[in-house]
Amino acid sequence: MVLILKEHSFYIKENSLLAKIAAWKLQSSGVALVMGNTVHLHNTKKEEFLQNSRWLKHELCHIRQFQQHGYLLFIVKYLWESIKNGYYNNKYEVEARAAESL
């Protein structure tokens, strides 16, 4: 199912193995992870995610980042930022957290 929210078309995948791995790595119970235009969810339902405007805005920012940089290039840049600065100080995460309050 494709969801369209303003200028964004995206997919949501519940019970994602990718998000489960991210949750394990981040030691978090509920996780949303964006790959391209798909939001992968672990331990949360689509309805819960869509009702949380801050979380939704955060992940929509990551979708825009993928669109801006291109799929593979963004993954490389994101991983490099995480290695260099850590997850929390990764400039793409900083930008996504700022987008939560817009």
N, C-alpha and C. Protein backbone atom coordinates (compact mmCIF):
# COMPACT_ATOMS: atom_id res chain seq x y z
N MET A 1 0.84 -1.18 0.00
CA MET A 1 0.00 0.00 0.00
C MET A 1 0.88 1.24 0.00
N VAL A 2 0.60 2.19 -0.88
CA VAL A 2 1.32 3.45 -0.96
C VAL A 2 0.53 4.50 -0.20
N LEU A 3 1.22 5.22 0.67
CA LEU A 3 0.61 6.33 1.38
C LEU A 3 1.09 7.62 0.75
N ILE A 4 0.21 8.57 0.61
CA ILE A 4 0.59 9.87 0.06
C ILE A 4 0.26 10.92 1.11
N LEU A 5 1.26 11.65 1.54
CA LEU A 5 1.10 12.68 2.55
C LEU A 5 1.74 13.94 2.01
N LYS A 6 0.93 14.90 1.63
CA LYS A 6 1.38 16.11 0.96
C LYS A 6 2.20 15.72 -0.26
N GLU A 7 3.48 16.12 -0.31
CA GLU A 7 4.31 15.84 -1.48
C GLU A 7 5.04 14.50 -1.37
N HIS A 8 4.78 13.72 -0.34
CA HIS A 8 5.52 12.49 -0.10
C HIS A 8 4.67 11.26 -0.43
N SER A 9 5.21 10.39 -1.26
CA SER A 9 4.65 9.06 -1.47
C SER A 9 5.61 8.08 -0.82
N PHE A 10 5.09 7.23 0.04
CA PHE A 10 5.97 6.29 0.72
C PHE A 10 5.21 5.04 1.12
N TYR A 11 5.96 4.03 1.43
CA TYR A 11 5.43 2.75 1.87
C TYR A 11 5.75 2.56 3.35
N ILE A 12 4.96 1.74 4.01
CA ILE A 12 5.25 1.36 5.39
C ILE A 12 5.27 -0.16 5.45
N LYS A 13 6.34 -0.69 6.01
CA LYS A 13 6.47 -2.14 6.19
C LYS A 13 6.54 -2.43 7.68
N GLU A 14 5.51 -3.08 8.20
CA GLU A 14 5.50 -3.48 9.61
C GLU A 14 6.30 -4.77 9.78
N ASN A 15 6.75 -5.00 11.01
CA ASN A 15 7.49 -6.23 11.35
C ASN A 15 8.69 -6.46 10.44
N SER A 16 9.42 -5.40 10.17
CA SER A 16 10.56 -5.46 9.27
C SER A 16 11.79 -6.04 9.97
N LEU A 17 12.46 -6.96 9.29
CA LEU A 17 13.70 -7.52 9.82
C LEU A 17 14.78 -6.43 9.92
N LEU A 18 14.84 -5.54 8.93
CA LEU A 18 15.81 -4.44 8.99
C LEU A 18 15.61 -3.59 10.24
N ALA A 19 14.36 -3.24 10.52
CA ALA A 19 14.07 -2.42 11.70
C ALA A 19 14.34 -3.20 12.99
N LYS A 20 14.13 -4.50 12.95
CA LYS A 20 14.41 -5.33 14.13
C LYS A 20 15.91 -5.34 14.43
N ILE A 21 16.71 -5.43 13.39
CA ILE A 21 18.17 -5.38 13.56
C ILE A 21 18.59 -4.01 14.09
N ALA A 22 17.99 -2.94 13.55
CA ALA A 22 18.30 -1.59 14.04
C ALA A 22 17.90 -1.43 15.50
N ALA A 23 16.76 -1.99 15.88
CA ALA A 23 16.31 -1.91 17.27
C ALA A 23 17.30 -2.61 18.19
N TRP A 24 17.79 -3.75 17.76
CA TRP A 24 18.80 -4.47 18.54
C TRP A 24 20.07 -3.64 18.68
N LYS A 25 20.54 -3.07 17.56
CA LYS A 25 21.76 -2.27 17.57
C LYS A 25 21.60 -1.02 18.43
N LEU A 26 20.44 -0.37 18.35
CA LEU A 26 20.20 0.87 19.10
C LEU A 26 19.69 0.59 20.51
N GLN A 27 19.47 -0.67 20.82
CA GLN A 27 18.93 -1.08 22.12
C GLN A 27 17.63 -0.32 22.42
N SER A 28 16.74 -0.36 21.43
CA SER A 28 15.46 0.34 21.52
C SER A 28 14.33 -0.65 21.26
N SER A 29 13.20 -0.41 21.86
CA SER A 29 12.09 -1.34 21.67
C SER A 29 11.38 -1.09 20.34
N GLY A 30 10.97 0.14 20.06
CA GLY A 30 10.27 0.47 18.83
C GLY A 30 11.16 1.28 17.92
N VAL A 31 11.21 0.87 16.64
CA VAL A 31 12.09 1.54 15.70
C VAL A 31 11.38 1.76 14.37
N ALA A 32 11.68 2.89 13.75
CA ALA A 32 11.34 3.15 12.36
C ALA A 32 12.66 3.41 11.63
N LEU A 33 12.81 2.80 10.49
CA LEU A 33 14.03 2.91 9.69
C LEU A 33 13.62 3.15 8.25
N VAL A 34 14.21 4.15 7.62
CA VAL A 34 13.86 4.46 6.23
C VAL A 34 14.93 3.91 5.29
N MET A 35 14.46 3.26 4.24
CA MET A 35 15.31 2.84 3.13
C MET A 35 14.59 3.29 1.86
N GLY A 36 15.13 4.32 1.23
CA GLY A 36 14.49 4.86 0.03
C GLY A 36 13.19 5.54 0.38
N ASN A 37 12.09 5.00 -0.11
CA ASN A 37 10.78 5.58 0.20
C ASN A 37 9.91 4.62 1.03
N THR A 38 10.59 3.73 1.76
CA THR A 38 9.88 2.78 2.62
C THR A 38 10.30 2.98 4.07
N VAL A 39 9.29 3.11 4.93
CA VAL A 39 9.53 3.19 6.37
C VAL A 39 9.35 1.78 6.92
N HIS A 40 10.41 1.23 7.48
CA HIS A 40 10.39 -0.10 8.07
C HIS A 40 10.14 0.05 9.57
N LEU A 41 9.16 -0.67 10.09
CA LEU A 41 8.79 -0.57 11.49
C LEU A 41 9.09 -1.86 12.23
N HIS A 42 9.52 -1.70 13.48
CA HIS A 42 9.67 -2.84 14.39
C HIS A 42 8.99 -2.50 15.71
N ASN A 43 8.17 -3.40 16.16
CA ASN A 43 7.49 -3.29 17.46
C ASN A 43 6.61 -2.04 17.56
N THR A 44 6.06 -1.65 16.44
CA THR A 44 5.07 -0.57 16.41
C THR A 44 4.16 -0.81 15.20
N LYS A 45 2.96 -0.37 15.30
CA LYS A 45 1.99 -0.53 14.22
C LYS A 45 1.96 0.72 13.35
N LYS A 46 1.54 0.52 12.11
CA LYS A 46 1.45 1.62 11.16
C LYS A 46 0.60 2.76 11.72
N GLU A 47 -0.53 2.43 12.33
CA GLU A 47 -1.43 3.46 12.85
C GLU A 47 -0.76 4.28 13.95
N GLU A 48 -0.04 3.60 14.84
CA GLU A 48 0.68 4.30 15.92
C GLU A 48 1.73 5.23 15.34
N PHE A 49 2.49 4.76 14.36
CA PHE A 49 3.52 5.57 13.72
C PHE A 49 2.91 6.80 13.06
N LEU A 50 1.83 6.63 12.29
CA LEU A 50 1.22 7.74 11.56
C LEU A 50 0.58 8.77 12.48
N GLN A 51 0.17 8.37 13.68
CA GLN A 51 -0.43 9.31 14.63
C GLN A 51 0.60 10.11 15.41
N ASN A 52 1.85 9.70 15.36
CA ASN A 52 2.91 10.40 16.07
C ASN A 52 3.57 11.38 15.10
N SER A 53 3.13 12.64 15.13
CA SER A 53 3.56 13.61 14.12
C SER A 53 5.06 13.86 14.15
N ARG A 54 5.66 13.88 15.33
CA ARG A 54 7.11 14.10 15.42
C ARG A 54 7.88 12.96 14.76
N TRP A 55 7.48 11.74 15.06
CA TRP A 55 8.14 10.57 14.50
C TRP A 55 7.96 10.53 12.98
N LEU A 56 6.74 10.82 12.54
CA LEU A 56 6.45 10.86 11.11
C LEU A 56 7.29 11.91 10.39
N LYS A 57 7.37 13.11 10.95
CA LYS A 57 8.18 14.17 10.34
C LYS A 57 9.65 13.78 10.28
N HIS A 58 10.13 13.12 11.32
CA HIS A 58 11.52 12.66 11.37
C HIS A 58 11.80 11.71 10.20
N GLU A 59 10.94 10.73 10.03
CA GLU A 59 11.16 9.74 8.98
C GLU A 59 10.92 10.32 7.59
N LEU A 60 9.98 11.25 7.46
CA LEU A 60 9.78 11.91 6.16
C LEU A 60 11.01 12.72 5.77
N CYS A 61 11.71 13.26 6.75
CA CYS A 61 12.96 13.97 6.47
C CYS A 61 13.99 13.00 5.88
N HIS A 62 14.06 11.79 6.43
CA HIS A 62 14.99 10.81 5.88
C HIS A 62 14.60 10.42 4.44
N ILE A 63 13.31 10.35 4.16
CA ILE A 63 12.87 10.08 2.78
C ILE A 63 13.35 11.19 1.85
N ARG A 64 13.22 12.44 2.29
CA ARG A 64 13.72 13.58 1.49
C ARG A 64 15.23 13.49 1.30
N GLN A 65 15.95 13.06 2.33
CA GLN A 65 17.40 12.92 2.22
C GLN A 65 17.76 11.87 1.17
N PHE A 66 17.05 10.76 1.16
CA PHE A 66 17.28 9.74 0.13
C PHE A 66 17.02 10.33 -1.25
N GLN A 67 15.95 11.10 -1.40
CA GLN A 67 15.62 11.70 -2.70
C GLN A 67 16.69 12.70 -3.12
N GLN A 68 17.18 13.47 -2.16
CA GLN A 68 18.16 14.52 -2.46
C GLN A 68 19.50 13.93 -2.88
N HIS A 69 19.97 12.90 -2.18
CA HIS A 69 21.32 12.38 -2.41
C HIS A 69 21.36 11.17 -3.33
N GLY A 70 20.23 10.50 -3.50
CA GLY A 70 20.22 9.25 -4.25
C GLY A 70 20.38 8.08 -3.28
N TYR A 71 19.83 6.95 -3.65
CA TYR A 71 19.72 5.80 -2.74
C TYR A 71 21.09 5.35 -2.21
N LEU A 72 21.95 4.90 -3.08
CA LEU A 72 23.24 4.35 -2.63
C LEU A 72 24.14 5.42 -2.03
N LEU A 73 24.19 6.58 -2.65
CA LEU A 73 25.06 7.64 -2.13
C LEU A 73 24.62 8.07 -0.74
N PHE A 74 23.32 8.16 -0.51
CA PHE A 74 22.86 8.54 0.83
C PHE A 74 23.25 7.49 1.86
N ILE A 75 23.11 6.22 1.53
CA ILE A 75 23.50 5.17 2.48
C ILE A 75 24.98 5.30 2.84
N VAL A 76 25.82 5.52 1.84
CA VAL A 76 27.26 5.68 2.08
C VAL A 76 27.52 6.90 2.96
N LYS A 77 26.89 8.02 2.62
CA LYS A 77 27.09 9.26 3.40
C LYS A 77 26.58 9.09 4.83
N TYR A 78 25.44 8.45 4.99
CA TYR A 78 24.85 8.25 6.31
C TYR A 78 25.75 7.36 7.16
N LEU A 79 26.22 6.27 6.58
CA LEU A 79 27.10 5.37 7.33
C LEU A 79 28.41 6.06 7.70
N TRP A 80 28.97 6.83 6.77
CA TRP A 80 30.21 7.56 7.06
C TRP A 80 29.99 8.55 8.21
N GLU A 81 28.91 9.28 8.17
CA GLU A 81 28.58 10.22 9.26
C GLU A 81 28.46 9.50 10.59
N SER A 82 27.83 8.34 10.58
CA SER A 82 27.66 7.57 11.82
C SER A 82 28.99 7.06 12.35
N ILE A 83 29.86 6.62 11.46
CA ILE A 83 31.18 6.16 11.88
C ILE A 83 32.00 7.32 12.43
N LYS A 84 31.96 8.43 11.72
CA LYS A 84 32.78 9.61 12.08
C LYS A 84 32.28 10.31 13.33
N ASN A 85 30.96 10.48 13.45
CA ASN A 85 30.40 11.32 14.51
C ASN A 85 29.48 10.59 15.49
N GLY A 86 29.20 9.33 15.23
CA GLY A 86 28.26 8.60 16.06
C GLY A 86 26.84 8.83 15.58
N TYR A 87 25.96 7.93 15.97
CA TYR A 87 24.57 8.00 15.52
C TYR A 87 23.90 9.33 15.90
N TYR A 88 24.02 9.71 17.16
CA TYR A 88 23.30 10.89 17.63
C TYR A 88 23.79 12.17 16.95
N ASN A 89 25.08 12.28 16.69
CA ASN A 89 25.64 13.48 16.08
C ASN A 89 25.76 13.40 14.57
N ASN A 90 25.27 12.33 13.98
CA ASN A 90 25.21 12.19 12.53
C ASN A 90 24.38 13.36 12.00
N LYS A 91 24.95 14.13 11.04
CA LYS A 91 24.26 15.35 10.58
C LYS A 91 22.88 15.06 9.97
N TYR A 92 22.68 13.87 9.45
CA TYR A 92 21.38 13.52 8.89
C TYR A 92 20.35 13.25 9.99
N GLU A 93 20.82 12.72 11.12
CA GLU A 93 19.93 12.55 12.27
C GLU A 93 19.64 13.90 12.93
N VAL A 94 20.63 14.76 12.99
CA VAL A 94 20.43 16.11 13.54
C VAL A 94 19.37 16.84 12.72
N GLU A 95 19.48 16.75 11.40
CA GLU A 95 18.51 17.40 10.51
C GLU A 95 17.11 16.80 10.70
N ALA A 96 17.04 15.49 10.82
CA ALA A 96 15.73 14.82 11.01
C ALA A 96 15.10 15.20 12.35
N ARG A 97 15.92 15.30 13.41
CA ARG A 97 15.37 15.72 14.71
C ARG A 97 14.87 17.16 14.64
N ALA A 98 15.57 18.02 13.90
CA ALA A 98 15.11 19.41 13.73
C ALA A 98 13.78 19.45 12.98
N ALA A 99 13.58 18.55 12.05
CA ALA A 99 12.35 18.52 11.25
C ALA A 99 11.14 18.10 12.08
N GLU A 100 11.38 17.45 13.21
CA GLU A 100 10.27 16.99 14.06
C GLU A 100 9.40 18.14 14.54
N SER A 101 9.98 19.30 14.73
CA SER A 101 9.24 20.42 15.31
C SER A 101 8.75 21.41 14.25
N LEU A 102 8.90 21.09 12.99
CA LEU A 102 8.43 21.99 11.93
C LEU A 102 6.94 21.87 11.71
